Amino acid sequence: MPPEMQKKATKLIYGLEKKSYEQRLEALGLYSLHRWKLRGNFVETSKILTGKENIDSSLLFQKASTTDLRGHSLK
């Protein structure tokens, strides 16, 4: 759904017509589509780095050469 459709759809709800987009999302307990896309990107990145996707992560990412990662090799 394009962001414009989400904006229009939230305006159709009685009582929210005159509120800002952000206020409508908050009232409905929704996230913006931009935030959902970012979350999806983070999830997919995590899957690639942990080997859950059949993609060679070295083609997309360069791991840090530092050892100061507080015990986590993927930071």
N, C-alpha and C. Protein backbone atom coordinates (compact mmCIF):
# COMPACT_ATOMS: atom_id res chain seq x y z
N MET A 1 0.85 -1.17 0.00
CA MET A 1 0.00 0.00 0.00
C MET A 1 0.90 1.24 0.00
N PRO A 2 0.75 2.11 -0.98
CA PRO A 2 1.53 3.35 -0.98
C PRO A 2 1.17 4.23 0.22
N PRO A 3 2.12 5.05 0.69
CA PRO A 3 1.85 5.90 1.85
C PRO A 3 0.61 6.78 1.67
N GLU A 4 0.35 7.23 0.44
CA GLU A 4 -0.81 8.09 0.21
C GLU A 4 -2.10 7.35 0.54
N MET A 5 -2.14 6.05 0.23
CA MET A 5 -3.34 5.26 0.52
C MET A 5 -3.53 5.10 2.02
N GLN A 6 -2.43 4.90 2.75
CA GLN A 6 -2.55 4.77 4.19
C GLN A 6 -3.05 6.08 4.79
N LYS A 7 -2.56 7.19 4.28
CA LYS A 7 -3.00 8.50 4.78
C LYS A 7 -4.49 8.69 4.53
N LYS A 8 -4.94 8.34 3.32
CA LYS A 8 -6.36 8.50 2.99
C LYS A 8 -7.22 7.54 3.79
N ALA A 9 -6.77 6.32 3.97
CA ALA A 9 -7.55 5.32 4.70
C ALA A 9 -7.74 5.73 6.16
N THR A 10 -6.71 6.31 6.77
CA THR A 10 -6.86 6.71 8.17
C THR A 10 -7.77 7.92 8.32
N LYS A 11 -7.91 8.70 7.26
CA LYS A 11 -8.82 9.86 7.30
C LYS A 11 -10.29 9.43 7.25
N LEU A 12 -10.56 8.21 6.78
CA LEU A 12 -11.93 7.73 6.66
C LEU A 12 -12.54 7.33 8.00
N ILE A 13 -11.73 7.24 9.02
CA ILE A 13 -12.22 6.79 10.32
C ILE A 13 -12.85 7.97 11.05
N TYR A 14 -14.08 7.76 11.48
CA TYR A 14 -14.84 8.81 12.14
C TYR A 14 -14.08 9.35 13.36
N GLY A 15 -13.99 10.66 13.43
CA GLY A 15 -13.33 11.32 14.55
C GLY A 15 -11.86 11.62 14.31
N LEU A 16 -11.29 11.06 13.27
CA LEU A 16 -9.88 11.28 13.01
C LEU A 16 -9.63 12.15 11.77
N GLU A 17 -10.71 12.58 11.13
CA GLU A 17 -10.60 13.29 9.85
C GLU A 17 -9.73 14.54 9.93
N LYS A 18 -9.80 15.26 11.03
CA LYS A 18 -9.12 16.55 11.13
C LYS A 18 -7.78 16.48 11.85
N LYS A 19 -7.40 15.29 12.27
CA LYS A 19 -6.11 15.14 12.96
C LYS A 19 -4.99 14.97 11.95
N SER A 20 -3.77 15.25 12.40
CA SER A 20 -2.62 15.07 11.51
C SER A 20 -2.40 13.58 11.28
N TYR A 21 -1.63 13.28 10.26
CA TYR A 21 -1.32 11.89 9.91
C TYR A 21 -0.68 11.17 11.09
N GLU A 22 0.29 11.82 11.73
CA GLU A 22 0.97 11.21 12.87
C GLU A 22 0.01 10.96 14.03
N GLN A 23 -0.92 11.90 14.28
CA GLN A 23 -1.91 11.73 15.35
C GLN A 23 -2.86 10.58 15.03
N ARG A 24 -3.23 10.44 13.75
CA ARG A 24 -4.12 9.34 13.36
C ARG A 24 -3.43 7.99 13.55
N LEU A 25 -2.16 7.92 13.15
CA LEU A 25 -1.41 6.67 13.34
C LEU A 25 -1.32 6.31 14.81
N GLU A 26 -1.02 7.30 15.63
CA GLU A 26 -0.90 7.05 17.07
C GLU A 26 -2.23 6.60 17.66
N ALA A 27 -3.32 7.25 17.27
CA ALA A 27 -4.64 6.90 17.79
C ALA A 27 -5.03 5.47 17.39
N LEU A 28 -4.57 5.03 16.23
CA LEU A 28 -4.92 3.70 15.74
C LEU A 28 -3.89 2.64 16.13
N GLY A 29 -2.80 3.08 16.74
CA GLY A 29 -1.76 2.13 17.13
C GLY A 29 -1.01 1.57 15.93
N LEU A 30 -0.85 2.38 14.90
CA LEU A 30 -0.17 1.96 13.67
C LEU A 30 1.18 2.63 13.52
N TYR A 31 2.04 2.02 12.73
CA TYR A 31 3.30 2.63 12.34
C TYR A 31 3.18 3.13 10.91
N SER A 32 3.99 4.11 10.56
CA SER A 32 4.00 4.58 9.17
C SER A 32 4.58 3.48 8.29
N LEU A 33 4.23 3.52 7.02
CA LEU A 33 4.74 2.53 6.09
C LEU A 33 6.26 2.64 5.96
N HIS A 34 6.78 3.85 6.08
CA HIS A 34 8.23 4.04 6.04
C HIS A 34 8.90 3.26 7.17
N ARG A 35 8.32 3.31 8.35
CA ARG A 35 8.89 2.58 9.49
C ARG A 35 8.81 1.07 9.27
N TRP A 36 7.71 0.58 8.68
CA TRP A 36 7.58 -0.84 8.38
C TRP A 36 8.64 -1.30 7.38
N LYS A 37 8.91 -0.45 6.38
CA LYS A 37 9.92 -0.79 5.38
C LYS A 37 11.30 -0.86 6.02
N LEU A 38 11.62 0.09 6.90
CA LEU A 38 12.90 0.06 7.60
C LEU A 38 13.03 -1.21 8.43
N ARG A 39 11.98 -1.56 9.14
CA ARG A 39 12.00 -2.78 9.96
C ARG A 39 12.25 -4.00 9.08
N GLY A 40 11.58 -4.05 7.94
CA GLY A 40 11.77 -5.16 7.02
C GLY A 40 13.21 -5.26 6.53
N ASN A 41 13.81 -4.10 6.26
CA ASN A 41 15.20 -4.09 5.84
C ASN A 41 16.12 -4.62 6.93
N PHE A 42 15.87 -4.22 8.17
CA PHE A 42 16.68 -4.70 9.29
C PHE A 42 16.52 -6.21 9.48
N VAL A 43 15.32 -6.70 9.36
CA VAL A 43 15.07 -8.14 9.51
C VAL A 43 15.79 -8.91 8.41
N GLU A 44 15.69 -8.44 7.18
CA GLU A 44 16.34 -9.12 6.06
C GLU A 44 17.86 -9.08 6.19
N THR A 45 18.40 -7.95 6.63
CA THR A 45 19.84 -7.84 6.86
C THR A 45 20.29 -8.84 7.91
N SER A 46 19.55 -8.95 8.98
CA SER A 46 19.88 -9.89 10.04
C SER A 46 19.87 -11.32 9.52
N LYS A 47 18.87 -11.67 8.70
CA LYS A 47 18.79 -13.02 8.14
C LYS A 47 19.99 -13.33 7.25
N ILE A 48 20.40 -12.35 6.46
CA ILE A 48 21.54 -12.56 5.57
C ILE A 48 22.81 -12.75 6.38
N LEU A 49 23.02 -11.90 7.40
CA LEU A 49 24.24 -11.98 8.20
C LEU A 49 24.32 -13.25 9.05
N THR A 50 23.19 -13.80 9.44
CA THR A 50 23.19 -15.01 10.27
C THR A 50 23.09 -16.28 9.45
N GLY A 51 23.05 -16.15 8.11
CA GLY A 51 23.04 -17.33 7.25
C GLY A 51 21.68 -17.97 7.07
N LYS A 52 20.61 -17.28 7.43
CA LYS A 52 19.27 -17.84 7.26
C LYS A 52 18.73 -17.64 5.84
N GLU A 53 19.41 -16.83 5.06
CA GLU A 53 19.07 -16.64 3.65
C GLU A 53 20.21 -17.25 2.84
N ASN A 54 19.90 -17.75 1.68
CA ASN A 54 20.90 -18.37 0.83
C ASN A 54 21.60 -17.30 -0.02
N ILE A 55 22.24 -16.35 0.68
CA ILE A 55 22.93 -15.24 0.03
C ILE A 55 24.30 -15.11 0.69
N ASP A 56 25.33 -14.94 -0.11
CA ASP A 56 26.68 -14.76 0.42
C ASP A 56 26.79 -13.34 1.00
N SER A 57 26.84 -13.23 2.31
CA SER A 57 26.85 -11.92 2.96
C SER A 57 28.09 -11.11 2.61
N SER A 58 29.18 -11.77 2.25
CA SER A 58 30.41 -11.03 1.92
C SER A 58 30.26 -10.23 0.63
N LEU A 59 29.26 -10.56 -0.19
CA LEU A 59 29.01 -9.79 -1.41
C LEU A 59 28.30 -8.47 -1.10
N LEU A 60 27.64 -8.40 0.05
CA LEU A 60 26.87 -7.21 0.40
C LEU A 60 27.45 -6.41 1.57
N PHE A 61 28.14 -7.10 2.47
CA PHE A 61 28.60 -6.46 3.70
C PHE A 61 30.07 -6.74 3.94
N GLN A 62 30.71 -5.80 4.62
CA GLN A 62 32.08 -5.99 5.05
C GLN A 62 32.08 -5.94 6.57
N LYS A 63 32.48 -7.03 7.20
CA LYS A 63 32.49 -7.07 8.66
C LYS A 63 33.61 -6.21 9.21
N ALA A 64 33.38 -5.65 10.37
CA ALA A 64 34.38 -4.79 11.00
C ALA A 64 35.61 -5.61 11.37
N SER A 65 36.76 -5.00 11.23
CA SER A 65 38.00 -5.70 11.56
C SER A 65 38.37 -5.54 13.03
N THR A 66 37.67 -4.68 13.75
CA THR A 66 37.94 -4.46 15.16
C THR A 66 37.45 -5.62 16.01
N THR A 67 38.09 -5.82 17.13
CA THR A 67 37.65 -6.86 18.06
C THR A 67 36.92 -6.27 19.26
N ASP A 68 36.77 -4.95 19.27
CA ASP A 68 36.13 -4.26 20.38
C ASP A 68 34.61 -4.15 20.14
N LEU A 69 33.94 -5.30 20.12
CA LEU A 69 32.50 -5.33 19.82
C LEU A 69 31.69 -5.83 21.02
N ARG A 70 32.25 -5.79 22.18
CA ARG A 70 31.58 -6.19 23.42
C ARG A 70 30.94 -7.57 23.31
N GLY A 71 31.64 -8.51 22.69
CA GLY A 71 31.18 -9.88 22.69
C GLY A 71 30.23 -10.29 21.59
N HIS A 72 29.95 -9.41 20.65
CA HIS A 72 29.01 -9.75 19.58
C HIS A 72 29.72 -9.57 18.23
N SER A 73 29.86 -10.63 17.48
CA SER A 73 30.65 -10.60 16.25
C SER A 73 29.96 -9.89 15.09
N LEU A 74 28.66 -9.60 15.19
CA LEU A 74 27.95 -8.98 14.06
C LEU A 74 27.69 -7.49 14.24
N LYS A 75 28.24 -6.88 15.24
CA LYS A 75 28.04 -5.43 15.41
C LYS A 75 28.87 -4.67 14.41
